[in-house]
Amino acid sequence: MSRRPLVLVAVVLLVVGGIGYAGLRTAYHHARDQRDLADLTRSSPWPRGQLLIPDGVTRSGAVGWLERGGLDIAYPLRTADGGAVPVLWRLRVPHPASGLPDGVDCGSPRLRTCTDLGGGSTLIVTHETDNSDPSVALYRTDGATVRAIEVQGPEPVGVDELTAALTHAHRPSDAELLDLLRHDGYQTDWS
């Protein structure tokens, strides 16, 4: 009897087994990603379909946090001169009285200068004092959300560049959210 049919059967079994293993591994990773995404977005004040992220977010160098107050994303903003300035982009819940997020107050002119730019936009310059660092932030209130972008320190970023960063945003895919929110070392019971 020839060994040829036996070898052929063994090769077919190996190929089918390899394909089955790859399929199971892919299904396991997909299920894990979905559980992680559900865990990471659980405390969001909005459904996942209403979240926005800036178009300028690149996969390397960007990190995000999502909690019941909203979404924060730190990333390097590309400026008109070709440089990159670290910014904090936010999607927050507005405070009912001021329309700005909790903790943002225009009541102290020595600390902050607030300028209403119209259309729901407010430019806030925080001055350097004993207990604050200088920064420039642009806030745009839009119904149940406030979009904000803040530049810490003396980095020269124009209002037009900040406005563009707030305006150009999109609904993230599940993969984009996982890239932003699942930090190195993230661990759950099922990861």
N, C-alpha and C. Protein backbone atom coordinates (compact mmCIF):
# COMPACT_ATOMS: atom_id res chain seq x y z
N MET A 1 0.83 -1.17 0.00
CA MET A 1 0.00 0.00 0.00
C MET A 1 0.88 1.25 0.00
N SER A 2 0.44 2.24 -0.71
CA SER A 2 1.23 3.45 -0.90
C SER A 2 1.03 4.41 0.28
N ARG A 3 2.07 5.10 0.60
CA ARG A 3 2.01 6.10 1.68
C ARG A 3 1.49 7.44 1.17
N ARG A 4 1.39 7.55 -0.09
CA ARG A 4 0.97 8.80 -0.69
C ARG A 4 -0.41 9.27 -0.21
N PRO A 5 -1.45 8.45 -0.19
CA PRO A 5 -2.76 8.90 0.32
C PRO A 5 -2.69 9.30 1.79
N LEU A 6 -1.88 8.62 2.58
CA LEU A 6 -1.73 8.94 3.99
C LEU A 6 -1.08 10.31 4.18
N VAL A 7 -0.08 10.62 3.40
CA VAL A 7 0.58 11.92 3.46
C VAL A 7 -0.38 13.01 3.01
N LEU A 8 -1.12 12.74 1.96
CA LEU A 8 -2.09 13.71 1.45
C LEU A 8 -3.16 14.02 2.51
N VAL A 9 -3.66 13.02 3.18
CA VAL A 9 -4.65 13.21 4.25
C VAL A 9 -4.04 14.02 5.39
N ALA A 10 -2.81 13.74 5.74
CA ALA A 10 -2.13 14.47 6.82
C ALA A 10 -1.96 15.94 6.46
N VAL A 11 -1.57 16.22 5.22
CA VAL A 11 -1.40 17.61 4.77
C VAL A 11 -2.74 18.34 4.80
N VAL A 12 -3.79 17.70 4.30
CA VAL A 12 -5.12 18.32 4.31
C VAL A 12 -5.57 18.61 5.74
N LEU A 13 -5.35 17.69 6.65
CA LEU A 13 -5.72 17.90 8.06
C LEU A 13 -4.94 19.05 8.67
N LEU A 14 -3.67 19.15 8.36
CA LEU A 14 -2.85 20.26 8.87
C LEU A 14 -3.35 21.59 8.34
N VAL A 15 -3.67 21.67 7.06
CA VAL A 15 -4.16 22.92 6.47
C VAL A 15 -5.50 23.30 7.09
N VAL A 16 -6.43 22.37 7.17
CA VAL A 16 -7.74 22.64 7.75
C VAL A 16 -7.60 23.03 9.23
N GLY A 17 -6.73 22.33 9.95
CA GLY A 17 -6.50 22.66 11.36
C GLY A 17 -5.91 24.06 11.52
N GLY A 18 -4.97 24.43 10.66
CA GLY A 18 -4.38 25.76 10.71
C GLY A 18 -5.39 26.86 10.43
N ILE A 19 -6.24 26.63 9.45
CA ILE A 19 -7.29 27.60 9.13
C ILE A 19 -8.27 27.72 10.29
N GLY A 20 -8.63 26.61 10.88
CA GLY A 20 -9.54 26.63 12.03
C GLY A 20 -8.93 27.37 13.21
N TYR A 21 -7.65 27.13 13.48
CA TYR A 21 -6.96 27.81 14.58
C TYR A 21 -6.93 29.32 14.34
N ALA A 22 -6.59 29.71 13.11
CA ALA A 22 -6.55 31.14 12.78
C ALA A 22 -7.92 31.79 12.97
N GLY A 23 -8.97 31.08 12.55
CA GLY A 23 -10.33 31.60 12.72
C GLY A 23 -10.71 31.75 14.18
N LEU A 24 -10.38 30.76 14.99
CA LEU A 24 -10.67 30.85 16.43
C LEU A 24 -9.89 31.97 17.09
N ARG A 25 -8.64 32.12 16.70
CA ARG A 25 -7.80 33.19 17.28
C ARG A 25 -8.36 34.57 16.91
N THR A 26 -8.78 34.73 15.66
CA THR A 26 -9.37 36.00 15.22
C THR A 26 -10.66 36.28 15.99
N ALA A 27 -11.50 35.30 16.15
CA ALA A 27 -12.75 35.47 16.89
C ALA A 27 -12.47 35.82 18.35
N TYR A 28 -11.46 35.19 18.95
CA TYR A 28 -11.10 35.49 20.34
C TYR A 28 -10.66 36.95 20.47
N HIS A 29 -9.79 37.43 19.57
CA HIS A 29 -9.31 38.81 19.64
C HIS A 29 -10.43 39.80 19.39
N HIS A 30 -11.33 39.50 18.48
CA HIS A 30 -12.46 40.38 18.22
C HIS A 30 -13.36 40.47 19.47
N ALA A 31 -13.65 39.34 20.09
CA ALA A 31 -14.48 39.34 21.30
C ALA A 31 -13.79 40.12 22.43
N ARG A 32 -12.48 39.93 22.57
CA ARG A 32 -11.74 40.66 23.60
C ARG A 32 -11.78 42.16 23.33
N ASP A 33 -11.59 42.57 22.07
CA ASP A 33 -11.65 43.99 21.72
C ASP A 33 -13.02 44.58 22.04
N GLN A 34 -14.08 43.84 21.74
CA GLN A 34 -15.43 44.34 22.01
C GLN A 34 -15.68 44.48 23.51
N ARG A 35 -15.20 43.52 24.31
CA ARG A 35 -15.34 43.62 25.77
C ARG A 35 -14.53 44.79 26.30
N ASP A 36 -13.29 44.95 25.82
CA ASP A 36 -12.46 46.08 26.26
C ASP A 36 -13.11 47.41 25.89
N LEU A 37 -13.64 47.52 24.68
CA LEU A 37 -14.27 48.75 24.23
C LEU A 37 -15.50 49.06 25.09
N ALA A 38 -16.29 48.06 25.40
CA ALA A 38 -17.46 48.27 26.27
C ALA A 38 -17.01 48.75 27.65
N ASP A 39 -15.94 48.15 28.18
CA ASP A 39 -15.42 48.55 29.49
C ASP A 39 -14.86 49.97 29.46
N LEU A 40 -14.11 50.30 28.42
CA LEU A 40 -13.46 51.62 28.32
C LEU A 40 -14.45 52.75 28.07
N THR A 41 -15.60 52.45 27.49
CA THR A 41 -16.58 53.50 27.18
C THR A 41 -17.78 53.48 28.11
N ARG A 42 -17.77 52.62 29.09
CA ARG A 42 -18.91 52.46 30.01
C ARG A 42 -19.29 53.76 30.72
N SER A 43 -18.31 54.55 31.13
CA SER A 43 -18.62 55.75 31.91
C SER A 43 -18.88 56.99 31.04
N SER A 44 -18.93 56.83 29.73
CA SER A 44 -19.15 57.96 28.83
C SER A 44 -20.52 58.58 29.04
N PRO A 45 -20.60 59.91 28.99
CA PRO A 45 -21.91 60.55 29.11
C PRO A 45 -22.74 60.45 27.83
N TRP A 46 -22.13 59.95 26.75
CA TRP A 46 -22.84 59.82 25.48
C TRP A 46 -22.67 58.41 24.95
N PRO A 47 -23.59 57.97 24.09
CA PRO A 47 -23.39 56.68 23.42
C PRO A 47 -22.16 56.74 22.51
N ARG A 48 -21.55 55.59 22.23
CA ARG A 48 -20.35 55.56 21.39
C ARG A 48 -20.56 56.23 20.05
N GLY A 49 -21.74 56.12 19.49
CA GLY A 49 -22.03 56.71 18.19
C GLY A 49 -22.06 58.23 18.19
N GLN A 50 -22.06 58.86 19.37
CA GLN A 50 -22.06 60.32 19.44
C GLN A 50 -20.70 60.89 19.80
N LEU A 51 -19.72 60.04 20.04
CA LEU A 51 -18.38 60.53 20.36
C LEU A 51 -17.73 61.10 19.11
N LEU A 52 -16.91 62.11 19.29
CA LEU A 52 -16.14 62.70 18.21
C LEU A 52 -14.67 62.73 18.60
N ILE A 53 -13.80 62.61 17.59
CA ILE A 53 -12.37 62.80 17.80
C ILE A 53 -11.86 63.71 16.70
N PRO A 54 -10.79 64.46 16.97
CA PRO A 54 -10.28 65.37 15.93
C PRO A 54 -9.68 64.60 14.76
N ASP A 55 -9.84 65.15 13.57
CA ASP A 55 -9.29 64.52 12.38
C ASP A 55 -7.76 64.47 12.43
N GLY A 56 -7.14 65.40 13.10
CA GLY A 56 -5.68 65.49 13.14
C GLY A 56 -5.00 64.50 14.07
N VAL A 57 -5.77 63.66 14.74
CA VAL A 57 -5.17 62.69 15.66
C VAL A 57 -4.44 61.62 14.85
N THR A 58 -3.19 61.46 15.16
CA THR A 58 -2.43 60.38 14.53
C THR A 58 -2.33 59.23 15.50
N ARG A 59 -2.12 58.05 15.00
CA ARG A 59 -2.06 56.88 15.88
C ARG A 59 -0.87 56.92 16.83
N SER A 60 0.25 57.45 16.38
CA SER A 60 1.40 57.51 17.28
C SER A 60 1.40 58.87 17.98
N GLY A 61 1.61 58.84 19.25
CA GLY A 61 1.69 60.07 20.02
C GLY A 61 0.37 60.58 20.55
N ALA A 62 -0.73 59.89 20.32
CA ALA A 62 -2.03 60.33 20.82
C ALA A 62 -2.51 59.37 21.89
N VAL A 63 -3.11 59.93 22.93
CA VAL A 63 -3.65 59.11 24.00
C VAL A 63 -4.94 59.78 24.49
N GLY A 64 -5.93 58.97 24.86
CA GLY A 64 -7.20 59.53 25.29
C GLY A 64 -7.68 58.93 26.60
N TRP A 65 -8.60 59.65 27.24
CA TRP A 65 -9.26 59.21 28.47
C TRP A 65 -10.73 59.52 28.33
N LEU A 66 -11.57 58.61 28.73
CA LEU A 66 -13.02 58.80 28.67
C LEU A 66 -13.59 58.50 30.04
N GLU A 67 -14.31 59.48 30.58
CA GLU A 67 -14.95 59.30 31.88
C GLU A 67 -16.28 60.04 31.84
N ARG A 68 -17.00 60.06 32.95
CA ARG A 68 -18.36 60.59 32.91
C ARG A 68 -18.43 62.08 32.59
N GLY A 69 -17.33 62.80 32.75
CA GLY A 69 -17.30 64.23 32.38
C GLY A 69 -17.06 64.45 30.90
N GLY A 70 -16.56 63.44 30.20
CA GLY A 70 -16.32 63.58 28.77
C GLY A 70 -15.04 62.90 28.33
N LEU A 71 -14.60 63.26 27.14
CA LEU A 71 -13.45 62.66 26.48
C LEU A 71 -12.32 63.67 26.39
N ASP A 72 -11.12 63.26 26.75
CA ASP A 72 -9.92 64.08 26.62
C ASP A 72 -8.93 63.34 25.74
N ILE A 73 -8.30 64.05 24.79
CA ILE A 73 -7.31 63.45 23.91
C ILE A 73 -6.10 64.38 23.86
N ALA A 74 -4.94 63.85 24.20
CA ALA A 74 -3.68 64.59 24.09
C ALA A 74 -2.99 64.12 22.82
N TYR A 75 -2.62 65.08 21.98
CA TYR A 75 -1.96 64.72 20.72
C TYR A 75 -1.17 65.92 20.20
N PRO A 76 -0.25 65.69 19.26
CA PRO A 76 0.50 66.80 18.66
C PRO A 76 -0.29 67.42 17.51
N LEU A 77 -0.62 68.70 17.62
CA LEU A 77 -1.35 69.42 16.58
C LEU A 77 -0.35 69.96 15.57
N ARG A 78 -0.57 69.64 14.30
CA ARG A 78 0.27 70.16 13.22
C ARG A 78 -0.11 71.62 12.97
N THR A 79 0.87 72.50 12.99
CA THR A 79 0.63 73.93 12.79
C THR A 79 0.98 74.33 11.36
N ALA A 80 0.61 75.55 10.99
CA ALA A 80 0.81 76.05 9.63
C ALA A 80 2.30 76.09 9.26
N ASP A 81 3.16 76.28 10.24
CA ASP A 81 4.60 76.34 9.92
C ASP A 81 5.24 74.96 9.84
N GLY A 82 4.43 73.90 9.95
CA GLY A 82 4.94 72.54 9.83
C GLY A 82 5.36 71.91 11.14
N GLY A 83 5.30 72.66 12.21
CA GLY A 83 5.68 72.13 13.53
C GLY A 83 4.53 71.35 14.16
N ALA A 84 4.81 70.82 15.31
CA ALA A 84 3.80 70.10 16.09
C ALA A 84 3.78 70.65 17.51
N VAL A 85 2.60 71.00 17.98
CA VAL A 85 2.42 71.57 19.31
C VAL A 85 1.54 70.62 20.11
N PRO A 86 1.97 70.23 21.32
CA PRO A 86 1.11 69.36 22.13
C PRO A 86 -0.15 70.10 22.58
N VAL A 87 -1.30 69.46 22.35
CA VAL A 87 -2.58 70.06 22.73
C VAL A 87 -3.41 69.04 23.49
N LEU A 88 -4.40 69.55 24.17
CA LEU A 88 -5.41 68.70 24.82
C LEU A 88 -6.74 69.06 24.18
N TRP A 89 -7.33 68.09 23.46
CA TRP A 89 -8.62 68.26 22.78
C TRP A 89 -9.66 67.60 23.66
N ARG A 90 -10.79 68.27 23.87
CA ARG A 90 -11.80 67.74 24.79
C ARG A 90 -13.19 67.79 24.19
N LEU A 91 -13.97 66.80 24.54
CA LEU A 91 -15.40 66.77 24.29
C LEU A 91 -16.02 66.61 25.66
N ARG A 92 -16.64 67.66 26.18
CA ARG A 92 -17.08 67.69 27.57
C ARG A 92 -18.57 67.99 27.68
N VAL A 93 -19.10 67.74 28.86
CA VAL A 93 -20.48 68.08 29.21
C VAL A 93 -20.48 69.52 29.71
N PRO A 94 -21.32 70.40 29.15
CA PRO A 94 -21.32 71.79 29.61
C PRO A 94 -22.02 71.95 30.96
N HIS A 95 -21.52 72.89 31.74
CA HIS A 95 -22.18 73.25 33.00
C HIS A 95 -23.41 74.07 32.64
N PRO A 96 -24.57 73.77 33.26
CA PRO A 96 -25.81 74.46 32.87
C PRO A 96 -25.75 75.98 33.02
N ALA A 97 -25.02 76.48 34.02
CA ALA A 97 -25.02 77.93 34.26
C ALA A 97 -24.13 78.68 33.27
N SER A 98 -22.94 78.14 32.97
CA SER A 98 -21.99 78.89 32.16
C SER A 98 -21.91 78.41 30.71
N GLY A 99 -22.33 77.18 30.46
CA GLY A 99 -22.16 76.61 29.13
C GLY A 99 -20.76 76.08 28.89
N LEU A 100 -19.87 76.30 29.83
CA LEU A 100 -18.50 75.79 29.75
C LEU A 100 -18.39 74.56 30.63
N PRO A 101 -17.35 73.75 30.46
CA PRO A 101 -17.20 72.56 31.31
C PRO A 101 -16.96 72.95 32.77
N ASP A 102 -17.25 72.02 33.69
CA ASP A 102 -16.96 72.25 35.10
C ASP A 102 -15.49 72.61 35.27
N GLY A 103 -15.21 73.55 36.16
CA GLY A 103 -13.84 73.94 36.45
C GLY A 103 -13.33 75.07 35.57
N VAL A 104 -14.06 75.45 34.53
CA VAL A 104 -13.65 76.56 33.67
C VAL A 104 -14.47 77.77 34.08
N ASP A 105 -13.77 78.79 34.56
CA ASP A 105 -14.44 79.95 35.13
C ASP A 105 -13.81 81.22 34.55
N CYS A 106 -14.66 82.11 34.08
CA CYS A 106 -14.18 83.39 33.55
C CYS A 106 -14.36 84.52 34.57
N GLY A 107 -14.61 84.19 35.82
CA GLY A 107 -14.91 85.19 36.83
C GLY A 107 -13.71 85.92 37.40
N SER A 108 -12.50 85.49 37.13
CA SER A 108 -11.32 86.13 37.69
C SER A 108 -10.44 86.67 36.56
N PRO A 109 -10.58 87.97 36.23
CA PRO A 109 -9.80 88.52 35.12
C PRO A 109 -8.29 88.50 35.36
N ARG A 110 -7.86 88.46 36.62
CA ARG A 110 -6.43 88.37 36.90
C ARG A 110 -5.88 87.02 36.47
N LEU A 111 -6.73 85.99 36.54
CA LEU A 111 -6.32 84.64 36.17
C LEU A 111 -6.61 84.33 34.69
N ARG A 112 -7.80 84.74 34.22
CA ARG A 112 -8.21 84.38 32.85
C ARG A 112 -8.83 85.58 32.14
N THR A 113 -8.53 85.66 30.86
CA THR A 113 -9.19 86.62 29.99
C THR A 113 -10.07 85.83 29.03
N CYS A 114 -11.37 86.10 29.03
CA CYS A 114 -12.31 85.37 28.19
C CYS A 114 -12.87 86.31 27.13
N THR A 115 -12.88 85.84 25.89
CA THR A 115 -13.39 86.63 24.78
C THR A 115 -14.43 85.81 24.04
N ASP A 116 -15.65 86.37 23.94
CA ASP A 116 -16.71 85.71 23.19
C ASP A 116 -16.46 85.96 21.70
N LEU A 117 -16.23 84.90 20.94
CA LEU A 117 -15.96 85.02 19.51
C LEU A 117 -17.22 84.87 18.67
N GLY A 118 -18.35 84.64 19.33
CA GLY A 118 -19.61 84.44 18.61
C GLY A 118 -19.75 83.00 18.14
N GLY A 119 -20.96 82.62 17.79
CA GLY A 119 -21.21 81.27 17.30
C GLY A 119 -20.98 80.19 18.34
N GLY A 120 -21.07 80.55 19.62
CA GLY A 120 -20.86 79.58 20.69
C GLY A 120 -19.40 79.37 21.05
N SER A 121 -18.49 80.16 20.47
CA SER A 121 -17.05 79.99 20.73
C SER A 121 -16.54 81.02 21.72
N THR A 122 -15.70 80.57 22.63
CA THR A 122 -15.08 81.44 23.62
C THR A 122 -13.59 81.16 23.66
N LEU A 123 -12.78 82.21 23.52
CA LEU A 123 -11.33 82.09 23.63
C LEU A 123 -10.95 82.45 25.06
N ILE A 124 -10.21 81.57 25.71
CA ILE A 124 -9.82 81.80 27.10
C ILE A 124 -8.30 81.75 27.19
N VAL A 125 -7.71 82.85 27.67
CA VAL A 125 -6.27 82.93 27.89
C VAL A 125 -6.05 82.90 29.39
N THR A 126 -5.34 81.87 29.85
CA THR A 126 -5.00 81.77 31.28
C THR A 126 -3.61 82.37 31.46
N HIS A 127 -3.53 83.32 32.39
CA HIS A 127 -2.28 84.04 32.62
C HIS A 127 -1.42 83.28 33.63
N GLU A 128 -0.14 83.51 33.56
CA GLU A 128 0.76 82.86 34.52
C GLU A 128 0.63 83.55 35.86
N THR A 129 0.33 82.77 36.88
CA THR A 129 0.26 83.27 38.26
C THR A 129 1.02 82.28 39.13
N ASP A 130 0.98 82.52 40.44
CA ASP A 130 1.69 81.62 41.36
C ASP A 130 1.18 80.19 41.27
N ASN A 131 -0.11 80.01 40.99
CA ASN A 131 -0.65 78.65 40.97
C ASN A 131 -1.26 78.25 39.62
N SER A 132 -0.86 78.90 38.53
CA SER A 132 -1.35 78.49 37.22
C SER A 132 -0.28 78.72 36.16
N ASP A 133 -0.31 77.87 35.16
CA ASP A 133 0.59 78.00 34.03
C ASP A 133 -0.16 78.70 32.90
N PRO A 134 0.55 79.42 32.05
CA PRO A 134 -0.13 80.09 30.95
C PRO A 134 -0.65 79.08 29.93
N SER A 135 -1.81 79.40 29.36
CA SER A 135 -2.38 78.54 28.32
C SER A 135 -3.37 79.35 27.49
N VAL A 136 -3.67 78.81 26.32
CA VAL A 136 -4.68 79.38 25.45
C VAL A 136 -5.64 78.25 25.12
N ALA A 137 -6.94 78.51 25.27
CA ALA A 137 -7.94 77.48 24.99
C ALA A 137 -9.10 78.08 24.21
N LEU A 138 -9.65 77.27 23.34
CA LEU A 138 -10.83 77.66 22.58
C LEU A 138 -11.93 76.67 22.92
N TYR A 139 -13.08 77.19 23.32
CA TYR A 139 -14.24 76.37 23.67
C TYR A 139 -15.37 76.67 22.70
N ARG A 140 -16.06 75.62 22.25
CA ARG A 140 -17.23 75.79 21.39
C ARG A 140 -18.37 74.97 21.97
N THR A 141 -19.43 75.66 22.39
CA THR A 141 -20.61 75.00 22.95
C THR A 141 -21.57 74.67 21.82
N ASP A 142 -22.02 73.41 21.83
CA ASP A 142 -22.94 72.95 20.80
C ASP A 142 -23.96 72.02 21.46
N GLY A 143 -25.02 72.60 22.00
CA GLY A 143 -26.06 71.79 22.65
C GLY A 143 -25.55 71.08 23.89
N ALA A 144 -25.57 69.75 23.86
CA ALA A 144 -25.20 68.94 25.03
C ALA A 144 -23.71 68.64 25.09
N THR A 145 -22.92 69.30 24.25
CA THR A 145 -21.46 69.07 24.28
C THR A 145 -20.72 70.40 24.19
N VAL A 146 -19.51 70.37 24.71
CA VAL A 146 -18.57 71.47 24.53
C VAL A 146 -17.31 70.85 23.95
N ARG A 147 -16.88 71.36 22.81
CA ARG A 147 -15.58 70.96 22.27
C ARG A 147 -14.57 71.99 22.73
N ALA A 148 -13.41 71.52 23.11
CA ALA A 148 -12.37 72.44 23.58
C ALA A 148 -11.01 71.95 23.10
N ILE A 149 -10.11 72.91 22.90
CA ILE A 149 -8.73 72.59 22.60
C ILE A 149 -7.86 73.57 23.37
N GLU A 150 -6.85 73.04 24.04
CA GLU A 150 -6.00 73.86 24.91
C GLU A 150 -4.54 73.63 24.59
N VAL A 151 -3.80 74.74 24.54
CA VAL A 151 -2.36 74.71 24.33
C VAL A 151 -1.71 75.25 25.59
N GLN A 152 -0.89 74.44 26.23
CA GLN A 152 -0.18 74.86 27.44
C GLN A 152 1.10 75.59 27.06
N GLY A 153 1.46 76.59 27.84
CA GLY A 153 2.74 77.27 27.66
C GLY A 153 2.71 78.33 26.58
N PRO A 154 3.87 78.77 26.20
CA PRO A 154 3.97 79.92 25.29
C PRO A 154 3.94 79.54 23.80
N GLU A 155 3.49 78.34 23.46
CA GLU A 155 3.48 77.91 22.06
C GLU A 155 2.60 78.84 21.21
N PRO A 156 3.12 79.33 20.10
CA PRO A 156 2.32 80.22 19.25
C PRO A 156 1.38 79.45 18.33
N VAL A 157 0.12 79.40 18.69
CA VAL A 157 -0.90 78.74 17.86
C VAL A 157 -2.02 79.75 17.66
N GLY A 158 -2.39 79.98 16.41
CA GLY A 158 -3.41 80.96 16.09
C GLY A 158 -4.82 80.44 16.33
N VAL A 159 -5.74 81.38 16.49
CA VAL A 159 -7.14 81.03 16.72
C VAL A 159 -7.69 80.24 15.53
N ASP A 160 -7.26 80.57 14.33
CA ASP A 160 -7.73 79.84 13.14
C ASP A 160 -7.32 78.37 13.20
N GLU A 161 -6.10 78.11 13.66
CA GLU A 161 -5.65 76.73 13.78
C GLU A 161 -6.41 75.98 14.87
N LEU A 162 -6.70 76.65 15.97
CA LEU A 162 -7.49 76.03 17.04
C LEU A 162 -8.93 75.78 16.56
N THR A 163 -9.49 76.74 15.83
CA THR A 163 -10.85 76.58 15.30
C THR A 163 -10.91 75.40 14.33
N ALA A 164 -9.91 75.28 13.48
CA ALA A 164 -9.88 74.16 12.53
C ALA A 164 -9.81 72.83 13.26
N ALA A 165 -9.02 72.76 14.34
CA ALA A 165 -8.90 71.51 15.10
C ALA A 165 -10.22 71.14 15.78
N LEU A 166 -11.00 72.14 16.17
CA LEU A 166 -12.31 71.86 16.77
C LEU A 166 -13.34 71.48 15.71
N THR A 167 -13.27 72.13 14.57
CA THR A 167 -14.26 71.92 13.51
C THR A 167 -14.09 70.58 12.81
N HIS A 168 -12.85 70.22 12.52
CA HIS A 168 -12.58 69.00 11.76
C HIS A 168 -12.50 67.80 12.71
N ALA A 169 -13.64 67.19 12.93
CA ALA A 169 -13.74 66.03 13.82
C ALA A 169 -14.65 65.00 13.17
N HIS A 170 -14.51 63.77 13.60
CA HIS A 170 -15.33 62.69 13.03
C HIS A 170 -15.70 61.68 14.10
N ARG A 171 -16.67 60.85 13.79
CA ARG A 171 -17.06 59.76 14.68
C ARG A 171 -16.01 58.67 14.54
N PRO A 172 -15.41 58.25 15.63
CA PRO A 172 -14.34 57.26 15.53
C PRO A 172 -14.85 55.85 15.30
N SER A 173 -14.04 55.07 14.62
CA SER A 173 -14.33 53.64 14.49
C SER A 173 -13.97 52.97 15.82
N ASP A 174 -14.42 51.74 15.99
CA ASP A 174 -14.07 51.00 17.20
C ASP A 174 -12.56 50.87 17.32
N ALA A 175 -11.87 50.63 16.21
CA ALA A 175 -10.41 50.48 16.24
C ALA A 175 -9.73 51.78 16.68
N GLU A 176 -10.23 52.94 16.20
CA GLU A 176 -9.64 54.22 16.62
C GLU A 176 -9.84 54.45 18.12
N LEU A 177 -11.04 54.14 18.62
CA LEU A 177 -11.29 54.30 20.06
C LEU A 177 -10.37 53.40 20.88
N LEU A 178 -10.22 52.16 20.45
CA LEU A 178 -9.31 51.26 21.18
C LEU A 178 -7.88 51.77 21.15
N ASP A 179 -7.43 52.28 20.01
CA ASP A 179 -6.08 52.82 19.93
C ASP A 179 -5.87 53.99 20.89
N LEU A 180 -6.89 54.83 21.04
CA LEU A 180 -6.78 55.99 21.92
C LEU A 180 -6.93 55.64 23.40
N LEU A 181 -7.87 54.76 23.71
CA LEU A 181 -8.24 54.54 25.11
C LEU A 181 -7.55 53.35 25.77
N ARG A 182 -7.14 52.36 25.01
CA ARG A 182 -6.49 51.18 25.60
C ARG A 182 -4.99 51.44 25.65
N HIS A 183 -4.54 51.95 26.79
CA HIS A 183 -3.14 52.32 26.97
C HIS A 183 -2.27 51.09 27.18
N ASP A 184 -0.97 51.27 27.00
CA ASP A 184 -0.03 50.18 27.29
C ASP A 184 -0.23 49.72 28.72
N GLY A 185 -0.29 48.42 28.90
CA GLY A 185 -0.48 47.87 30.23
C GLY A 185 -1.92 47.74 30.64
N TYR A 186 -2.87 48.14 29.76
CA TYR A 186 -4.29 48.02 30.10
C TYR A 186 -4.61 46.55 30.34
N GLN A 187 -5.29 46.27 31.43
CA GLN A 187 -5.58 44.88 31.79
C GLN A 187 -6.98 44.80 32.38
N THR A 188 -7.72 43.83 31.94
CA THR A 188 -9.01 43.53 32.54
C THR A 188 -9.01 42.06 32.93
N ASP A 189 -10.08 41.59 33.51
CA ASP A 189 -10.17 40.18 33.88
C ASP A 189 -10.14 39.28 32.65
N TRP A 190 -10.55 39.80 31.49
CA TRP A 190 -10.65 38.98 30.31
C TRP A 190 -9.55 39.26 29.29
N SER A 191 -8.70 40.27 29.53
CA SER A 191 -7.65 40.61 28.56
C SER A 191 -6.55 39.58 28.56
